[in-house]
Amino acid sequence: MMLNMVCAAMCYGQGRDGLVITQTVDAVELSGMDGDVLQASSNMTTWSDLGGFSGTYTNGADAETEYFRLRPPNYTFFNYEDYPEIMLMDHDKNLVHTWTNDFAPAASVYMFPDGSIMSATRAGHTRLEKRDWESNLLWSYDNLSRTNRQHHDIEPLPNGNVLIIAREPLPAADVIASGRDPDRIVKATQFMSETIVEIMPTGTDGGKVVWRWDVMDHIIQDFDETKPNFGVISEHPELVNINYATERGIDWLHANAVTYNAELDQIMISMRGFNEIWIIDHSTTIAEAASHSGGARGRGGDLLYRWGNPQAYNLGTEKDQVLGGQHDPSWIPAGYPGEGHILMFNNGTHRLYSSVDEIIPPQQEDGSYFREPGKAYGPTNLTWTYQASVPTNFYSFNFSGTQRLPDGNTLISDGHGGRIFEVTPDGTTVWSHDLPDGKEIFWARRVYFELPE
């Protein structure tokens, strides 16, 4: 039901987050409970119902106030895997806009409030591009070298810079010298490390590296005491065991997502090979990020927090593993239900069914994370989770993502299954869209804005 009816008296909608929608003859206003108008629209058809009436209140003999579940104009933003067009779909599943790249986006795509987009493309190499609403190229950065080769995800930052995940091939001899078991080297020149690189755009064509973090600066091993980085792994969860996840061969880490928390100045990475999410400090200099000290938390580039699989640092067993091949972790934004919590798509490759999981990280006042000595990082329980009523009916072994929405609902992208759907906190599906047969997506995003004229 669209909010375009004629009311004898004013009509109100009570949103789930305590907002009030007021309709008069010529305007719709979104107000806080204190009466301050937060947003107004003259187009009453752009406010859509999410589930019919949730109740009525009679005021006097012939005046009635009706309560709705309403939301402002919203669209779903996504692209098919290996497909050059990026699409914007309205709540009624009408395609309202497309952007076209010269090449298919490599994985994630991001949309800005002005309608411009940013993606990394496949073109025989990796290339970052930003395009405007009309698909005109605004900025590009070619990543042609064999070092810092971008893959999977990017993260636009508030300052205009961009974080990228980049693989770095290393010679076998260097890795063995760092404590890797030689029997766990697959190819002599193809052992891959992971880096996080911050690029500052320098004009219409190009960029400058202004910050860098490298996993290889933060490793530990208990294989060879004659080599560097030797230590007791369980006593150093801030470091990465170079001999873990060896079944993945050269791609032992396989980062697939990066996200940024501006309030904390921290970066979260999804490491599929370790079945963990990691948090590192972004407040460091490049030199500090390569060390074990410095930055706002005094830890340099060492891990501030990790969660999902304590086997990776010898403080758990197989039964303690929660995550399996996860994608798209994010901090829930301020003002949203669950703000500050971490939400992620748990592909569940270790158990053969997927879920969307929410946790409350053990964050302390200074932005560090509590861990009881000798034990794994908490929490031990999920705050919220979504899974199918028959768990094995919902399984995406790759891709996929999730997003908390302002009203407390959650958008879920079943990347392999080709479905985007929205669920309420009790798990009820209130909106869904099936992609054409055979189409897959890395993930989708719900965006709230007025279409340009």
Protein backbone atom coordinates (compact mmCIF):
# COMPACT_ATOMS: atom_id res chain seq x y z
CA MET A 1 0.00 0.00 0.00
CA MET A 2 1.43 3.38 -0.98
CA LEU A 3 0.93 6.31 1.36
CA ASN A 4 -1.11 8.38 -1.11
CA MET A 5 -4.57 8.08 0.37
CA VAL A 6 -6.76 11.06 1.29
CA CYS A 7 -7.25 11.47 5.05
CA ALA A 8 -10.06 13.34 6.74
CA ALA A 9 -7.63 13.92 9.57
CA MET A 10 -3.84 13.71 9.46
CA CYS A 11 -2.45 10.16 9.25
CA TYR A 12 0.57 8.99 11.19
CA GLY A 13 2.94 6.04 10.82
CA GLN A 14 4.89 4.75 13.79
CA GLY A 15 8.24 3.37 12.61
CA ARG A 16 10.03 0.59 14.47
CA ASP A 17 12.82 2.93 15.45
CA GLY A 18 10.50 5.43 17.15
CA LEU A 19 10.08 7.79 14.20
CA VAL A 20 6.72 9.28 13.24
CA ILE A 21 5.55 9.79 9.66
CA THR A 22 2.95 12.54 9.27
CA GLN A 23 0.91 13.03 6.08
CA THR A 24 -0.99 16.21 5.29
CA VAL A 25 -2.62 17.17 2.01
CA ASP A 26 0.63 18.35 0.39
CA ALA A 27 3.56 16.90 2.35
CA VAL A 28 4.96 13.93 4.19
CA GLU A 29 7.23 14.53 7.15
CA LEU A 30 9.48 12.15 9.09
CA SER A 31 9.83 13.32 12.71
CA GLY A 32 11.59 12.17 15.82
CA MET A 33 9.64 11.50 19.00
CA ASP A 34 10.60 14.96 20.21
CA GLY A 35 8.72 16.49 17.26
CA ASP A 36 11.76 17.67 15.30
CA VAL A 37 11.26 17.18 11.57
CA LEU A 38 14.08 14.97 10.25
CA GLN A 39 13.04 14.68 6.62
CA ALA A 40 10.21 15.92 4.44
CA SER A 41 8.94 14.93 1.02
CA SER A 42 6.35 16.45 -1.28
CA ASN A 43 6.01 13.14 -3.14
CA MET A 44 3.69 11.12 -0.94
CA THR A 45 4.00 8.04 -3.15
CA THR A 46 7.64 7.55 -2.19
CA TRP A 47 6.83 6.34 1.31
CA SER A 48 5.98 2.64 1.12
CA ASP A 49 4.25 0.26 3.49
CA LEU A 50 6.23 -2.65 4.92
CA GLY A 51 3.44 -4.83 6.16
CA GLY A 52 0.04 -3.19 6.37
CA PHE A 53 -1.52 -1.57 9.40
CA SER A 54 -0.02 -2.40 12.77
CA GLY A 55 -2.90 -0.87 14.71
CA THR A 56 -5.36 2.01 14.91
CA TYR A 57 -6.09 4.65 17.48
CA THR A 58 -9.47 6.45 17.59
CA ASN A 59 -9.39 10.09 18.61
CA GLY A 60 -12.93 11.38 19.10
CA ALA A 61 -16.07 10.26 17.36
CA ASP A 62 -15.03 10.38 13.73
CA ALA A 63 -11.26 10.93 13.56
CA GLU A 64 -8.97 7.92 13.36
CA THR A 65 -5.18 7.72 13.39
CA GLU A 66 -3.70 4.79 11.50
CA TYR A 67 -0.27 3.34 12.33
CA PHE A 68 1.91 2.02 9.54
CA ARG A 69 5.27 0.33 9.17
CA LEU A 70 6.87 2.76 6.76
CA ARG A 71 10.26 3.54 5.31
CA PRO A 72 11.66 6.30 3.08
CA PRO A 73 12.49 5.67 -0.61
CA ASN A 74 14.74 2.64 -0.87
CA TYR A 75 16.49 0.74 -3.61
CA THR A 76 18.58 -2.41 -3.88
CA PHE A 77 22.00 -2.03 -5.48
CA PHE A 78 23.80 -5.05 -6.97
CA ASN A 79 25.54 -6.59 -9.96
CA TYR A 80 25.79 -10.09 -11.33
CA GLU A 81 29.13 -11.86 -11.08
CA ASP A 82 31.21 -11.30 -14.26
CA TYR A 83 28.61 -8.92 -15.70
CA PRO A 84 29.54 -5.32 -16.69
CA GLU A 85 26.26 -3.65 -15.69
CA ILE A 86 25.54 -2.52 -12.14
CA MET A 87 21.85 -2.26 -11.28
CA LEU A 88 19.52 -0.30 -9.03
CA MET A 89 16.12 -1.84 -8.31
CA ASP A 90 13.20 -0.29 -6.45
CA HIS A 91 11.19 -1.98 -3.71
CA ASP A 92 8.71 -3.27 -6.29
CA LYS A 93 11.62 -4.92 -8.15
CA ASN A 94 11.58 -2.52 -11.07
CA LEU A 95 14.98 -1.76 -12.57
CA VAL A 96 15.28 2.02 -12.26
CA HIS A 97 18.90 2.63 -13.24
CA THR A 98 22.04 0.92 -14.53
CA TRP A 99 25.69 1.89 -14.68
CA THR A 100 27.98 0.36 -17.28
CA ASN A 101 31.68 -0.36 -16.86
CA ASP A 102 34.08 -1.20 -19.67
CA PHE A 103 34.80 -4.44 -17.82
CA ALA A 104 32.93 -6.58 -15.32
CA PRO A 105 33.46 -5.64 -11.66
CA ALA A 106 35.83 -8.09 -10.00
CA ALA A 107 33.61 -8.46 -6.91
CA SER A 108 32.30 -5.68 -4.65
CA VAL A 109 30.76 -2.42 -5.86
CA TYR A 110 29.96 0.66 -3.76
CA MET A 111 27.48 3.49 -4.27
CA PHE A 112 27.88 7.04 -2.93
CA PRO A 113 25.06 9.40 -1.84
CA ASP A 114 25.44 11.45 -5.05
CA GLY A 115 24.72 8.38 -7.19
CA SER A 116 28.31 7.73 -8.24
CA ILE A 117 29.80 4.26 -7.88
CA MET A 118 33.20 2.69 -7.27
CA SER A 119 34.34 -0.78 -8.24
CA ALA A 120 37.38 -2.85 -9.07
CA THR A 121 37.22 -4.28 -12.57
CA ARG A 122 38.69 -7.25 -14.37
CA ALA A 123 40.67 -6.20 -17.40
CA GLY A 124 43.51 -8.71 -17.55
CA HIS A 125 44.66 -6.96 -14.37
CA THR A 126 42.94 -5.00 -11.65
CA ARG A 127 41.70 -1.45 -12.10
CA LEU A 128 39.81 0.71 -9.60
CA GLU A 129 37.19 2.96 -11.16
CA LYS A 130 34.81 5.64 -9.98
CA ARG A 131 31.93 6.59 -12.29
CA ASP A 132 29.16 9.16 -11.99
CA TRP A 133 25.39 8.57 -12.27
CA GLU A 134 25.67 8.60 -16.08
CA SER A 135 28.59 6.09 -16.02
CA ASN A 136 31.17 8.72 -16.97
CA LEU A 137 34.63 7.82 -15.66
CA LEU A 138 35.67 10.15 -12.82
CA TRP A 139 38.81 8.39 -11.59
CA SER A 140 40.76 5.22 -12.22
CA TYR A 141 43.79 3.49 -10.78
CA ASP A 142 45.54 0.73 -12.70
CA ASN A 143 47.17 -1.92 -10.57
CA LEU A 144 49.46 -3.61 -13.07
CA SER A 145 52.38 -4.80 -10.95
CA ARG A 146 52.68 -8.25 -9.44
CA THR A 147 52.80 -6.69 -6.00
CA ASN A 148 49.73 -5.27 -4.29
CA ARG A 149 47.40 -6.97 -6.80
CA GLN A 150 43.90 -6.01 -5.68
CA HIS A 151 41.23 -8.70 -5.28
CA HIS A 152 37.73 -9.25 -3.84
CA ASP A 153 36.91 -6.07 -1.93
CA ILE A 154 37.62 -2.37 -1.58
CA GLU A 155 36.50 0.15 1.04
CA PRO A 156 36.02 3.86 0.24
CA LEU A 157 37.07 5.96 3.24
CA PRO A 158 35.50 9.17 4.58
CA ASN A 159 38.62 11.14 3.56
CA GLY A 160 38.24 10.13 -0.09
CA ASN A 161 40.95 7.48 -0.01
CA VAL A 162 40.32 3.80 -0.74
CA LEU A 163 41.38 0.66 1.10
CA ILE A 164 42.14 -2.35 -1.08
CA ILE A 165 42.92 -5.98 -0.33
CA ALA A 166 46.03 -6.94 -2.27
CA ARG A 167 47.83 -10.25 -2.74
CA GLU A 168 51.60 -10.33 -2.71
CA PRO A 169 53.45 -13.34 -4.20
CA LEU A 170 56.53 -14.36 -2.22
CA PRO A 171 59.50 -16.61 -3.09
CA ALA A 172 59.40 -19.97 -1.34
CA ALA A 173 62.87 -19.40 0.11
CA ASP A 174 61.72 -16.23 1.91
CA VAL A 175 58.68 -17.97 3.37
CA ILE A 176 60.70 -20.98 4.55
CA ALA A 177 63.20 -18.59 6.12
CA SER A 178 60.30 -17.11 8.09
CA GLY A 179 59.40 -20.51 9.58
CA ARG A 180 57.04 -22.08 7.06
CA ASP A 181 57.28 -25.87 6.90
CA PRO A 182 58.96 -26.63 3.51
CA ASP A 183 56.66 -29.63 3.05
CA ARG A 184 53.78 -27.16 2.97
CA ILE A 185 55.08 -25.13 0.05
CA VAL A 186 53.17 -25.94 -3.13
CA LYS A 187 54.93 -23.83 -5.77
CA ALA A 188 58.37 -22.31 -5.49
CA THR A 189 57.36 -18.76 -6.42
CA GLN A 190 53.64 -18.64 -5.74
CA PHE A 191 53.13 -18.38 -1.99
CA MET A 192 50.67 -15.54 -1.48
CA SER A 193 50.62 -13.09 1.39
CA GLU A 194 47.88 -10.50 1.97
CA THR A 195 48.23 -6.77 2.42
CA ILE A 196 45.83 -3.91 3.08
CA VAL A 197 46.79 -0.83 1.08
CA GLU A 198 45.33 2.68 1.30
CA ILE A 199 45.29 4.58 -1.99
CA MET A 200 44.89 8.35 -2.22
CA PRO A 201 43.46 9.42 -5.61
CA THR A 202 45.86 11.87 -7.27
CA GLY A 203 43.74 13.03 -10.21
CA THR A 204 41.70 11.66 -13.05
CA ASP A 205 44.13 8.80 -13.57
CA GLY A 206 46.26 7.46 -10.77
CA GLY A 207 46.74 7.09 -7.04
CA LYS A 208 49.37 7.16 -4.32
CA VAL A 209 49.92 4.57 -1.59
CA VAL A 210 49.67 6.39 1.76
CA TRP A 211 49.34 3.47 4.19
CA ARG A 212 50.10 -0.24 4.12
CA TRP A 213 49.72 -3.28 6.38
CA ASP A 214 51.29 -6.67 5.61
CA VAL A 215 50.42 -9.98 7.27
CA MET A 216 54.04 -11.11 6.98
CA ASP A 217 55.08 -8.44 9.49
CA HIS A 218 52.93 -10.12 12.15
CA ILE A 219 53.59 -13.86 11.98
CA ILE A 220 54.57 -16.51 14.48
CA GLN A 221 55.66 -20.13 14.08
CA ASP A 222 56.46 -23.09 16.33
CA PHE A 223 57.98 -25.29 13.61
CA ASP A 224 61.67 -24.36 13.70
CA GLU A 225 63.25 -22.71 16.71
CA THR A 226 66.29 -21.72 14.63
CA LYS A 227 64.16 -19.45 12.46
CA PRO A 228 62.74 -16.00 13.27
CA ASN A 229 59.23 -15.60 14.68
CA PHE A 230 59.51 -18.75 16.82
CA GLY A 231 57.21 -18.77 19.84
CA VAL A 232 54.28 -20.29 21.68
CA ILE A 233 51.34 -19.61 19.40
CA SER A 234 48.66 -19.79 22.13
CA GLU A 235 50.47 -17.05 24.03
CA HIS A 236 50.40 -14.68 21.07
CA PRO A 237 46.92 -14.45 19.55
CA GLU A 238 47.92 -11.03 18.21
CA LEU A 239 50.17 -12.85 15.68
CA VAL A 240 49.37 -15.10 12.72
CA ASN A 241 50.53 -18.72 12.59
CA ILE A 242 52.35 -19.06 9.28
CA ASN A 243 51.74 -22.83 9.28
CA TYR A 244 47.97 -22.71 9.76
CA ALA A 245 45.45 -23.27 6.95
CA THR A 246 48.04 -25.16 4.93
CA GLU A 247 45.41 -27.14 3.01
CA ARG A 248 44.77 -24.00 0.94
CA GLY A 249 48.25 -24.21 -0.55
CA ILE A 250 49.54 -20.97 -2.03
CA ASP A 251 46.35 -19.06 -1.09
CA TRP A 252 46.54 -19.86 2.62
CA LEU A 253 44.83 -16.64 3.81
CA HIS A 254 42.30 -15.68 1.10
CA ALA A 255 41.02 -12.36 2.42
CA ASN A 256 37.60 -11.61 0.93
CA ALA A 257 36.34 -8.44 2.66
CA VAL A 258 37.64 -5.25 4.24
CA THR A 259 35.63 -2.63 6.14
CA TYR A 260 36.42 0.47 8.17
CA ASN A 261 35.13 1.96 11.43
CA ALA A 262 35.76 5.71 11.40
CA GLU A 263 34.88 6.22 15.07
CA LEU A 264 37.43 3.61 16.19
CA ASP A 265 39.85 4.14 13.27
CA GLN A 266 40.01 0.37 12.92
CA ILE A 267 39.90 -2.00 9.96
CA MET A 268 38.15 -5.38 9.90
CA ILE A 269 39.23 -8.10 7.48
CA SER A 270 37.54 -11.41 6.67
CA MET A 271 40.16 -14.17 6.30
CA ARG A 272 38.36 -17.07 4.64
CA GLY A 273 41.37 -19.39 4.87
CA PHE A 274 41.47 -19.00 8.65
CA ASN A 275 37.66 -18.92 9.10
CA GLU A 276 38.12 -15.75 11.16
CA ILE A 277 37.52 -12.03 11.18
CA TRP A 278 40.49 -9.86 12.21
CA ILE A 279 40.59 -6.26 13.45
CA ILE A 280 43.70 -4.10 13.10
CA ASP A 281 44.54 -0.50 14.04
CA HIS A 282 44.50 2.10 11.27
CA SER A 283 45.83 4.91 13.48
CA THR A 284 49.42 3.77 12.83
CA THR A 285 52.03 5.14 10.49
CA ILE A 286 53.32 2.84 7.76
CA ALA A 287 56.35 2.06 9.94
CA GLU A 288 54.20 1.39 13.01
CA ALA A 289 51.86 -0.84 11.00
CA ALA A 290 54.88 -3.03 10.21
CA SER A 291 55.84 -3.24 13.89
CA HIS A 292 54.41 -4.43 17.20
CA SER A 293 54.04 -1.01 18.83
CA GLY A 294 52.58 2.41 18.12
CA GLY A 295 49.17 3.66 17.13
CA ALA A 296 46.26 4.55 19.39
CA ARG A 297 46.28 1.14 21.10
CA GLY A 298 50.05 0.76 21.29
CA ARG A 299 50.00 -2.52 19.35
CA GLY A 300 51.32 -1.38 15.98
CA GLY A 301 49.96 -3.64 13.25
CA ASP A 302 49.40 -6.68 15.46
CA LEU A 303 45.85 -8.03 15.56
CA LEU A 304 43.66 -6.20 18.06
CA TYR A 305 40.92 -8.82 17.85
CA ARG A 306 40.09 -12.04 16.06
CA TRP A 307 37.01 -14.23 16.20
CA GLY A 308 35.44 -17.27 14.62
CA ASN A 309 37.99 -20.07 14.91
CA PRO A 310 40.29 -20.23 17.96
CA GLN A 311 42.02 -23.29 16.49
CA ALA A 312 43.94 -20.79 14.37
CA TYR A 313 45.87 -19.67 17.45
CA ASN A 314 45.82 -22.90 19.46
CA LEU A 315 43.20 -21.81 21.98
CA GLY A 316 40.35 -24.00 20.79
CA THR A 317 39.34 -27.19 19.08
CA GLU A 318 37.16 -28.09 16.12
CA LYS A 319 34.03 -27.83 18.25
CA ASP A 320 34.86 -24.18 19.02
CA GLN A 321 34.85 -23.15 15.36
CA VAL A 322 31.87 -20.92 14.54
CA LEU A 323 32.75 -19.38 11.19
CA GLY A 324 33.35 -21.26 7.95
CA GLY A 325 34.36 -19.34 4.81
CA GLN A 326 32.57 -16.18 6.02
CA HIS A 327 32.00 -13.02 3.97
CA ASP A 328 31.04 -9.38 4.44
CA PRO A 329 31.58 -8.63 8.16
CA SER A 330 30.59 -5.11 9.19
CA TRP A 331 30.07 -2.95 12.24
CA ILE A 332 26.37 -2.09 12.56
CA PRO A 333 26.13 1.73 12.17
CA ALA A 334 25.30 4.10 15.00
CA GLY A 335 21.56 4.65 15.36
CA TYR A 336 20.69 1.25 13.93
CA PRO A 337 19.40 -1.59 16.12
CA GLY A 338 22.50 -3.44 17.29
CA GLU A 339 24.79 -0.45 16.75
CA GLY A 340 28.46 -1.31 17.31
CA HIS A 341 27.83 -5.04 17.00
CA ILE A 342 29.47 -7.07 14.23
CA LEU A 343 27.24 -8.68 11.60
CA MET A 344 28.51 -11.21 9.04
CA PHE A 345 27.43 -13.81 6.51
CA ASN A 346 28.63 -17.16 7.81
CA ASN A 347 28.89 -19.40 4.74
CA GLY A 348 29.24 -22.40 7.05
CA THR A 349 31.62 -24.38 4.86
CA HIS A 350 32.61 -26.48 7.90
CA ARG A 351 29.02 -27.63 8.52
CA LEU A 352 27.39 -27.32 5.03
CA TYR A 353 24.72 -24.74 5.87
CA SER A 354 24.80 -20.95 6.07
CA SER A 355 23.61 -18.36 8.56
CA VAL A 356 23.81 -14.64 9.26
CA ASP A 357 25.42 -14.08 12.65
CA GLU A 358 25.63 -11.06 14.96
CA ILE A 359 28.04 -10.74 17.88
CA ILE A 360 28.89 -8.13 20.50
CA PRO A 361 32.69 -7.75 20.40
CA PRO A 362 34.37 -7.45 23.84
CA GLN A 363 35.41 -3.89 23.15
CA GLN A 364 36.82 -1.85 26.01
CA GLU A 365 36.57 1.88 26.59
CA ASP A 366 39.89 2.63 24.89
CA GLY A 367 38.94 0.70 21.76
CA SER A 368 40.95 -2.40 22.63
CA TYR A 369 39.37 -5.84 23.10
CA PHE A 370 39.21 -7.89 26.29
CA ARG A 371 40.49 -11.46 26.38
CA GLU A 372 40.76 -13.57 29.50
CA PRO A 373 44.35 -14.86 29.77
CA GLY A 374 44.74 -18.37 28.42
CA LYS A 375 41.36 -18.31 26.69
CA ALA A 376 40.09 -17.44 23.22
CA TYR A 377 38.53 -14.12 22.35
CA GLY A 378 34.81 -13.94 23.09
CA PRO A 379 31.95 -13.85 22.81
CA THR A 380 31.04 -17.50 23.17
CA ASN A 381 27.41 -16.88 22.15
CA LEU A 382 25.76 -15.15 19.22
CA THR A 383 23.54 -12.13 19.93
CA TRP A 384 21.33 -12.85 16.93
CA THR A 385 21.36 -15.33 14.10
CA TYR A 386 19.31 -16.15 11.04
CA GLN A 387 19.22 -19.58 9.46
CA ALA A 388 16.62 -21.52 7.52
CA SER A 389 14.01 -23.54 9.42
CA VAL A 390 15.70 -26.55 7.82
CA PRO A 391 19.31 -25.32 8.06
CA THR A 392 20.65 -27.27 5.08
CA ASN A 393 18.06 -25.61 2.81
CA PHE A 394 20.14 -22.42 3.01
CA TYR A 395 23.74 -22.94 1.95
CA SER A 396 25.96 -20.63 -0.08
CA PHE A 397 29.50 -21.98 -0.07
CA ASN A 398 30.95 -18.81 -1.62
CA PHE A 399 30.21 -15.08 -2.17
CA SER A 400 27.23 -13.68 -0.15
CA GLY A 401 26.69 -10.83 2.28
CA THR A 402 24.41 -9.09 4.74
CA GLN A 403 23.40 -5.61 5.88
CA ARG A 404 21.51 -4.33 8.93
CA LEU A 405 18.79 -1.89 7.90
CA PRO A 406 17.68 1.21 9.84
CA ASP A 407 14.43 -0.39 11.05
CA GLY A 408 16.20 -3.44 12.48
CA ASN A 409 15.52 -5.76 9.57
CA THR A 410 18.42 -7.48 7.84
CA LEU A 411 19.15 -7.74 4.12
CA ILE A 412 20.71 -11.05 3.10
CA SER A 413 22.43 -11.88 -0.18
CA ASP A 414 22.55 -15.58 -1.00
CA GLY A 415 25.32 -15.15 -3.52
CA HIS A 416 25.55 -18.69 -4.82
CA GLY A 417 21.81 -19.35 -4.64
CA GLY A 418 20.99 -16.16 -6.54
CA ARG A 419 18.55 -14.64 -4.06
CA ILE A 420 18.31 -11.35 -2.16
CA PHE A 421 15.88 -11.23 0.75
CA GLU A 422 14.99 -9.20 3.84
CA VAL A 423 14.10 -10.66 7.22
CA THR A 424 12.68 -9.20 10.43
CA PRO A 425 14.42 -9.77 13.78
CA ASP A 426 12.25 -12.86 14.33
CA GLY A 427 13.39 -14.30 10.98
CA THR A 428 10.24 -13.60 8.96
CA THR A 429 10.94 -12.87 5.29
CA VAL A 430 9.22 -9.61 4.27
CA TRP A 431 10.83 -9.05 0.87
CA SER A 432 12.71 -11.24 -1.58
CA HIS A 433 14.04 -11.20 -5.12
CA ASP A 434 15.26 -14.18 -7.11
CA LEU A 435 17.93 -13.53 -9.70
CA PRO A 436 17.66 -15.05 -13.17
CA ASP A 437 18.73 -18.70 -13.34
CA GLY A 438 22.46 -19.13 -13.15
CA LYS A 439 23.19 -15.57 -11.94
CA GLU A 440 25.32 -15.08 -8.84
CA ILE A 441 26.20 -11.96 -6.85
CA PHE A 442 29.03 -11.06 -4.50
CA TRP A 443 26.53 -9.16 -2.36
CA ALA A 444 23.74 -6.55 -2.56
CA ARG A 445 23.14 -3.31 -0.66
CA ARG A 446 19.98 -1.43 0.28
CA VAL A 447 20.34 2.32 -0.28
CA TYR A 448 18.03 5.17 0.77
CA PHE A 449 17.94 8.29 -1.39
CA GLU A 450 15.86 10.30 -3.85
CA LEU A 451 16.47 9.46 -7.51
CA PRO A 452 18.07 12.32 -9.46
CA GLU A 453 15.64 14.24 -11.68
